[in-house]
């Protein structure tokens, strides 16, 4: 089961203190899904944050995409997602990066590579059943 990309426009952008909450369910045969913070709505948009749980390789990859080129991948410790289980991810914008919380535990801190002021949309897609995306 693949959820087509769900996009939420961030008309006011994001700033330190903004929290994105993504709730969903990982299907039994899930491979990968993603949460992207995009700098515009177009195809091949710069991506300030690419959060990519990969159940097929038991890892979570963090990266950014700038002018069509991926940066250096960072990996979180372990895989906090399980097939057939619900999940909740919080992405908390800080002065120096994005703090990712999965369930009740801080998971990874990805430092800003692109200016916060450039983020205009959040996109969620891949092998997941998406329940909600909230920004507050």
N, C-alpha and C. Protein backbone atom coordinates (compact mmCIF):
# COMPACT_ATOMS: atom_id res chain seq x y z
N UNK A 1 0.85 -1.18 0.00
CA UNK A 1 0.00 0.00 0.00
C UNK A 1 0.89 1.24 0.00
N UNK A 2 0.64 2.13 -0.91
CA UNK A 2 1.42 3.36 -1.00
C UNK A 2 0.47 4.53 -0.88
N UNK A 3 0.83 5.46 -0.03
CA UNK A 3 0.06 6.69 0.08
C UNK A 3 0.66 7.68 -0.90
N UNK A 4 -0.16 8.20 -1.83
CA UNK A 4 0.39 9.22 -2.73
C UNK A 4 0.87 10.40 -1.90
N UNK A 5 1.85 11.13 -2.38
CA UNK A 5 2.34 12.23 -1.55
C UNK A 5 1.22 13.16 -1.12
N UNK A 6 1.19 13.43 0.16
CA UNK A 6 0.27 14.39 0.77
C UNK A 6 1.08 15.65 1.00
N UNK A 7 0.61 16.78 0.47
CA UNK A 7 1.32 18.04 0.64
C UNK A 7 0.49 19.01 1.44
N UNK A 8 1.15 19.66 2.39
CA UNK A 8 0.53 20.74 3.14
C UNK A 8 1.38 21.97 2.90
N UNK A 9 0.75 23.02 2.38
CA UNK A 9 1.48 24.26 2.16
C UNK A 9 1.64 25.00 3.48
N UNK A 10 2.81 25.58 3.66
CA UNK A 10 3.13 26.33 4.88
C UNK A 10 3.19 27.80 4.50
N UNK A 11 2.02 28.40 4.36
CA UNK A 11 1.96 29.78 3.86
C UNK A 11 2.76 30.75 4.72
N UNK A 12 2.86 30.46 6.01
CA UNK A 12 3.63 31.33 6.91
C UNK A 12 5.03 30.79 7.14
N UNK A 13 5.38 29.70 6.45
CA UNK A 13 6.70 29.11 6.64
C UNK A 13 6.81 28.44 7.99
N UNK A 14 8.04 28.23 8.44
CA UNK A 14 8.29 27.65 9.75
C UNK A 14 9.34 28.49 10.45
N UNK A 15 9.42 28.34 11.75
CA UNK A 15 10.41 29.08 12.54
C UNK A 15 10.73 28.24 13.78
N UNK A 16 11.78 28.59 14.51
CA UNK A 16 12.06 27.85 15.74
C UNK A 16 10.82 27.80 16.62
N UNK A 17 10.49 26.61 17.09
CA UNK A 17 9.29 26.42 17.90
C UNK A 17 8.16 25.77 17.13
N UNK A 18 8.20 25.80 15.79
CA UNK A 18 7.18 25.13 15.00
C UNK A 18 7.31 23.62 15.22
N UNK A 19 6.16 22.94 15.37
CA UNK A 19 6.14 21.49 15.54
C UNK A 19 5.27 20.89 14.45
N UNK A 20 5.80 19.88 13.76
CA UNK A 20 5.02 19.12 12.79
C UNK A 20 4.77 17.75 13.42
N UNK A 21 3.51 17.34 13.47
CA UNK A 21 3.15 16.04 14.03
C UNK A 21 2.55 15.18 12.92
N UNK A 22 3.18 14.05 12.66
CA UNK A 22 2.73 13.13 11.62
C UNK A 22 2.31 11.84 12.31
N UNK A 23 1.07 11.44 12.10
CA UNK A 23 0.56 10.18 12.66
C UNK A 23 0.14 9.27 11.52
N UNK A 24 0.45 8.01 11.69
CA UNK A 24 0.06 7.06 10.68
C UNK A 24 0.25 5.63 11.14
N UNK A 25 0.23 4.73 10.16
CA UNK A 25 0.32 3.30 10.41
C UNK A 25 1.26 2.72 9.35
N UNK A 26 2.18 1.88 9.78
CA UNK A 26 3.11 1.24 8.85
C UNK A 26 2.48 -0.07 8.37
N UNK A 27 2.18 -0.20 7.08
CA UNK A 27 1.58 -1.44 6.57
C UNK A 27 2.51 -2.65 6.75
N UNK A 28 1.92 -3.83 6.72
CA UNK A 28 2.68 -5.08 6.92
C UNK A 28 3.78 -5.29 5.89
N UNK A 29 3.59 -4.79 4.68
CA UNK A 29 4.59 -5.01 3.63
C UNK A 29 5.34 -3.72 3.27
N UNK A 30 5.39 -2.79 4.20
CA UNK A 30 6.00 -1.48 3.93
C UNK A 30 7.49 -1.61 3.60
N UNK A 31 7.94 -0.78 2.64
CA UNK A 31 9.36 -0.70 2.31
C UNK A 31 9.95 0.59 2.87
N UNK A 32 9.49 1.72 2.34
CA UNK A 32 10.02 3.03 2.75
C UNK A 32 8.92 4.08 2.70
N UNK A 33 9.07 5.08 3.56
CA UNK A 33 8.23 6.26 3.44
C UNK A 33 9.08 7.48 3.74
N UNK A 34 8.51 8.67 3.54
CA UNK A 34 9.30 9.89 3.72
C UNK A 34 8.45 11.05 4.21
N UNK A 35 9.14 11.97 4.89
CA UNK A 35 8.60 13.28 5.22
C UNK A 35 9.62 14.27 4.68
N UNK A 36 9.18 15.17 3.80
CA UNK A 36 10.07 16.17 3.22
C UNK A 36 9.60 17.57 3.57
N UNK A 37 10.54 18.42 3.97
CA UNK A 37 10.26 19.85 4.11
C UNK A 37 10.80 20.50 2.85
N UNK A 38 9.87 20.96 2.00
CA UNK A 38 10.22 21.45 0.67
C UNK A 38 10.31 22.97 0.63
N UNK A 39 11.20 23.44 -0.25
CA UNK A 39 11.40 24.89 -0.37
C UNK A 39 10.48 25.53 -1.41
N UNK A 40 9.81 24.73 -2.22
CA UNK A 40 8.74 25.23 -3.09
C UNK A 40 7.86 24.06 -3.47
N UNK A 41 6.84 24.33 -4.28
CA UNK A 41 5.87 23.28 -4.61
C UNK A 41 6.23 22.51 -5.86
N UNK A 42 7.23 22.95 -6.60
CA UNK A 42 7.53 22.36 -7.89
C UNK A 42 8.23 21.01 -7.81
N UNK A 43 8.29 20.35 -8.97
CA UNK A 43 9.07 19.12 -9.07
C UNK A 43 10.53 19.46 -8.78
N UNK A 44 11.26 18.53 -8.20
CA UNK A 44 12.69 18.70 -7.91
C UNK A 44 12.97 19.91 -7.02
N UNK A 45 12.05 20.22 -6.12
CA UNK A 45 12.24 21.34 -5.20
C UNK A 45 13.40 21.06 -4.27
N UNK A 46 14.12 22.11 -3.89
CA UNK A 46 15.11 21.95 -2.82
C UNK A 46 14.37 21.40 -1.60
N UNK A 47 15.04 20.52 -0.86
CA UNK A 47 14.45 19.87 0.29
C UNK A 47 15.31 20.14 1.50
N UNK A 48 14.77 20.93 2.45
CA UNK A 48 15.54 21.30 3.64
C UNK A 48 15.74 20.10 4.57
N UNK A 49 14.73 19.21 4.60
CA UNK A 49 14.82 18.00 5.42
C UNK A 49 14.15 16.86 4.68
N UNK A 50 14.88 15.77 4.51
CA UNK A 50 14.34 14.52 3.96
C UNK A 50 14.49 13.49 5.06
N UNK A 51 13.36 13.09 5.65
CA UNK A 51 13.31 12.09 6.73
C UNK A 51 12.77 10.83 6.09
N UNK A 52 13.58 9.76 6.04
CA UNK A 52 13.27 8.61 5.21
C UNK A 52 13.45 7.28 5.94
N UNK A 53 12.41 6.84 6.71
CA UNK A 53 12.48 5.50 7.31
C UNK A 53 12.48 4.43 6.21
N UNK A 54 13.45 3.53 6.29
CA UNK A 54 13.61 2.46 5.30
C UNK A 54 13.49 1.12 6.02
N UNK A 55 12.28 0.59 6.03
CA UNK A 55 12.07 -0.68 6.70
C UNK A 55 12.75 -1.83 5.95
N UNK A 56 12.93 -1.64 4.64
CA UNK A 56 13.56 -2.69 3.84
C UNK A 56 15.06 -2.84 4.14
N UNK A 57 15.69 -1.79 4.71
CA UNK A 57 17.12 -1.88 5.05
C UNK A 57 17.36 -1.57 6.54
N UNK A 58 16.28 -1.49 7.33
CA UNK A 58 16.36 -1.27 8.78
C UNK A 58 17.16 -0.05 9.19
N UNK A 59 16.85 1.10 8.55
CA UNK A 59 17.54 2.33 8.90
C UNK A 59 16.63 3.52 8.63
N UNK A 60 17.01 4.66 9.21
CA UNK A 60 16.33 5.91 8.92
C UNK A 60 17.38 6.89 8.42
N UNK A 61 17.16 7.43 7.22
CA UNK A 61 18.12 8.32 6.59
C UNK A 61 17.58 9.75 6.64
N UNK A 62 18.46 10.68 6.96
CA UNK A 62 18.17 12.11 6.95
C UNK A 62 19.08 12.75 5.91
N UNK A 63 18.55 13.69 5.13
CA UNK A 63 19.38 14.34 4.13
C UNK A 63 18.71 15.65 3.72
N UNK A 64 19.37 16.35 2.79
CA UNK A 64 18.81 17.54 2.16
C UNK A 64 19.16 17.49 0.68
N UNK A 65 18.34 18.18 -0.11
CA UNK A 65 18.53 18.24 -1.56
C UNK A 65 18.65 19.71 -1.94
N UNK A 66 19.77 20.07 -2.55
CA UNK A 66 19.99 21.47 -2.93
C UNK A 66 20.45 21.52 -4.37
N UNK A 67 19.69 22.28 -5.18
CA UNK A 67 19.99 22.43 -6.61
C UNK A 67 20.19 21.07 -7.29
N UNK A 68 19.32 20.13 -6.97
CA UNK A 68 19.34 18.82 -7.62
C UNK A 68 20.37 17.84 -7.09
N UNK A 69 21.13 18.21 -6.08
CA UNK A 69 22.17 17.31 -5.55
C UNK A 69 21.89 16.99 -4.08
N UNK A 70 21.90 15.69 -3.76
CA UNK A 70 21.73 15.27 -2.37
C UNK A 70 22.99 15.58 -1.58
N UNK A 71 22.81 15.93 -0.33
CA UNK A 71 23.93 16.16 0.58
C UNK A 71 24.41 14.85 1.18
N UNK A 72 25.19 14.96 2.24
CA UNK A 72 25.71 13.78 2.94
C UNK A 72 24.59 13.19 3.79
N UNK A 73 24.38 11.88 3.65
CA UNK A 73 23.34 11.21 4.43
C UNK A 73 23.75 11.10 5.89
N UNK A 74 22.77 11.28 6.76
CA UNK A 74 22.95 11.01 8.18
C UNK A 74 21.97 9.90 8.52
N UNK A 75 22.35 9.05 9.48
CA UNK A 75 21.48 7.96 9.88
C UNK A 75 21.17 8.05 11.36
N UNK A 76 19.91 7.80 11.69
CA UNK A 76 19.52 7.73 13.09
C UNK A 76 19.94 6.37 13.65
N UNK A 77 19.90 6.24 14.96
CA UNK A 77 20.29 4.98 15.59
C UNK A 77 19.12 4.02 15.66
N UNK A 78 19.24 2.90 14.96
CA UNK A 78 18.18 1.89 14.99
C UNK A 78 16.97 2.30 14.17
N UNK A 79 15.96 1.44 14.17
CA UNK A 79 14.74 1.70 13.40
C UNK A 79 13.56 1.70 14.37
N UNK A 80 13.01 2.89 14.69
CA UNK A 80 11.94 2.96 15.68
C UNK A 80 10.54 2.70 15.11
N UNK A 81 10.46 2.14 13.91
CA UNK A 81 9.17 1.85 13.27
C UNK A 81 9.06 0.34 13.07
N UNK A 82 7.83 -0.17 13.18
CA UNK A 82 7.60 -1.60 12.96
C UNK A 82 6.43 -1.77 12.00
N UNK A 83 6.60 -2.73 11.09
CA UNK A 83 5.50 -3.05 10.18
C UNK A 83 4.28 -3.47 10.99
N UNK A 84 3.11 -3.01 10.53
CA UNK A 84 1.85 -3.37 11.19
C UNK A 84 1.54 -2.54 12.42
N UNK A 85 2.35 -1.51 12.71
CA UNK A 85 2.16 -0.73 13.93
C UNK A 85 1.88 0.74 13.62
N UNK A 86 1.11 1.41 14.49
CA UNK A 86 0.91 2.86 14.34
C UNK A 86 2.18 3.58 14.77
N UNK A 87 2.29 4.85 14.36
CA UNK A 87 3.44 5.66 14.77
C UNK A 87 3.04 7.11 14.89
N UNK A 88 3.87 7.85 15.62
CA UNK A 88 3.75 9.29 15.70
C UNK A 88 5.16 9.87 15.65
N UNK A 89 5.36 10.82 14.75
CA UNK A 89 6.64 11.50 14.61
C UNK A 89 6.41 12.98 14.86
N UNK A 90 7.27 13.58 15.69
CA UNK A 90 7.27 15.02 15.87
C UNK A 90 8.57 15.54 15.26
N UNK A 91 8.45 16.56 14.43
CA UNK A 91 9.63 17.27 13.93
C UNK A 91 9.54 18.66 14.55
N UNK A 92 10.49 18.94 15.43
CA UNK A 92 10.49 20.20 16.18
C UNK A 92 11.58 21.08 15.60
N UNK A 93 11.18 22.26 15.12
CA UNK A 93 12.15 23.18 14.53
C UNK A 93 12.87 23.91 15.66
N UNK A 94 14.21 23.85 15.63
CA UNK A 94 15.03 24.54 16.63
C UNK A 94 15.87 25.60 15.91
N UNK A 95 16.59 26.39 16.68
CA UNK A 95 17.44 27.42 16.09
C UNK A 95 18.50 26.83 15.16
N UNK A 96 18.98 25.64 15.49
CA UNK A 96 20.08 25.09 14.70
C UNK A 96 19.73 23.85 13.89
N UNK A 97 18.46 23.39 13.95
CA UNK A 97 18.12 22.20 13.16
C UNK A 97 16.71 21.71 13.41
N UNK A 98 16.53 20.42 13.15
CA UNK A 98 15.24 19.75 13.30
C UNK A 98 15.43 18.61 14.29
N UNK A 99 14.72 18.67 15.40
CA UNK A 99 14.77 17.60 16.38
C UNK A 99 13.63 16.65 16.06
N UNK A 100 13.96 15.39 15.84
CA UNK A 100 12.96 14.38 15.50
C UNK A 100 12.68 13.52 16.72
N UNK A 101 11.41 13.42 17.06
CA UNK A 101 10.99 12.60 18.19
C UNK A 101 10.05 11.53 17.63
N UNK A 102 10.35 10.26 17.94
CA UNK A 102 9.50 9.15 17.50
C UNK A 102 8.96 8.49 18.76
N UNK A 103 7.61 8.42 18.85
CA UNK A 103 7.01 7.92 20.08
C UNK A 103 7.34 8.90 21.20
N UNK A 104 7.97 8.41 22.26
CA UNK A 104 8.30 9.26 23.40
C UNK A 104 9.78 9.62 23.48
N UNK A 105 10.57 9.22 22.48
CA UNK A 105 12.01 9.39 22.59
C UNK A 105 12.58 10.30 21.50
N UNK A 106 13.51 11.17 21.89
CA UNK A 106 14.23 11.96 20.89
C UNK A 106 15.06 11.00 20.06
N UNK A 107 14.97 11.14 18.75
CA UNK A 107 15.59 10.17 17.86
C UNK A 107 16.85 10.71 17.17
N UNK A 108 16.77 11.90 16.58
CA UNK A 108 17.91 12.44 15.84
C UNK A 108 17.77 13.94 15.73
N UNK A 109 18.90 14.64 15.68
CA UNK A 109 18.90 16.08 15.46
C UNK A 109 19.65 16.35 14.16
N UNK A 110 18.94 16.88 13.18
CA UNK A 110 19.50 17.16 11.86
C UNK A 110 19.72 18.66 11.76
N UNK A 111 20.96 19.07 11.60
CA UNK A 111 21.29 20.51 11.56
C UNK A 111 20.84 21.14 10.24
N UNK A 112 20.42 22.40 10.33
CA UNK A 112 19.98 23.14 9.15
C UNK A 112 21.09 23.19 8.10
N UNK A 113 20.72 22.92 6.86
CA UNK A 113 21.63 23.09 5.72
C UNK A 113 21.10 24.16 4.77
N UNK A 114 19.79 24.36 4.79
CA UNK A 114 19.13 25.39 3.97
C UNK A 114 18.41 26.34 4.92
N UNK A 115 18.24 27.61 4.54
CA UNK A 115 17.60 28.56 5.46
C UNK A 115 16.17 28.17 5.80
N UNK A 116 15.82 28.30 7.07
CA UNK A 116 14.45 28.03 7.52
C UNK A 116 13.44 28.83 6.73
N UNK A 117 13.80 30.06 6.38
CA UNK A 117 12.87 30.94 5.69
C UNK A 117 12.49 30.43 4.31
N UNK A 118 13.23 29.45 3.78
CA UNK A 118 12.92 28.94 2.44
C UNK A 118 11.89 27.82 2.45
N UNK A 119 11.58 27.24 3.62
CA UNK A 119 10.65 26.10 3.68
C UNK A 119 9.23 26.57 3.44
N UNK A 120 8.55 25.93 2.47
CA UNK A 120 7.21 26.36 2.07
C UNK A 120 6.15 25.25 2.10
N UNK A 121 6.57 23.98 2.24
CA UNK A 121 5.59 22.88 2.21
C UNK A 121 6.15 21.67 2.93
N UNK A 122 5.25 20.84 3.44
CA UNK A 122 5.63 19.54 3.98
C UNK A 122 4.95 18.48 3.12
N UNK A 123 5.69 17.44 2.77
CA UNK A 123 5.17 16.36 1.93
C UNK A 123 5.42 15.04 2.65
N UNK A 124 4.39 14.20 2.69
CA UNK A 124 4.50 12.88 3.30
C UNK A 124 4.02 11.87 2.28
N UNK A 125 4.81 10.80 2.06
CA UNK A 125 4.40 9.80 1.09
C UNK A 125 5.19 8.51 1.25
N UNK A 126 4.89 7.57 0.38
CA UNK A 126 5.56 6.28 0.41
C UNK A 126 4.67 5.20 1.00
N UNK A 127 5.31 4.18 1.57
CA UNK A 127 4.59 3.02 2.10
C UNK A 127 4.11 3.28 3.52
N UNK A 128 3.01 3.99 3.64
CA UNK A 128 2.40 4.23 4.93
C UNK A 128 0.94 4.55 4.74
N UNK A 129 0.20 4.38 5.82
CA UNK A 129 -1.19 4.83 5.87
C UNK A 129 -1.15 6.08 6.72
N UNK A 130 -1.42 7.21 6.11
CA UNK A 130 -1.31 8.50 6.80
C UNK A 130 -2.63 8.83 7.49
N UNK A 131 -2.55 9.11 8.78
CA UNK A 131 -3.74 9.50 9.53
C UNK A 131 -3.88 11.00 9.63
N UNK A 132 -2.77 11.70 9.97
CA UNK A 132 -2.87 13.15 10.08
C UNK A 132 -1.50 13.81 10.00
N UNK A 133 -1.52 15.06 9.52
CA UNK A 133 -0.36 15.93 9.54
C UNK A 133 -0.84 17.23 10.19
N UNK A 134 -0.24 17.59 11.32
CA UNK A 134 -0.62 18.83 12.01
C UNK A 134 0.60 19.69 12.19
N UNK A 135 0.40 20.98 12.05
CA UNK A 135 1.49 21.93 12.24
C UNK A 135 1.04 22.93 13.30
N UNK A 136 1.84 23.09 14.34
CA UNK A 136 1.48 24.06 15.38
C UNK A 136 2.73 24.60 16.02
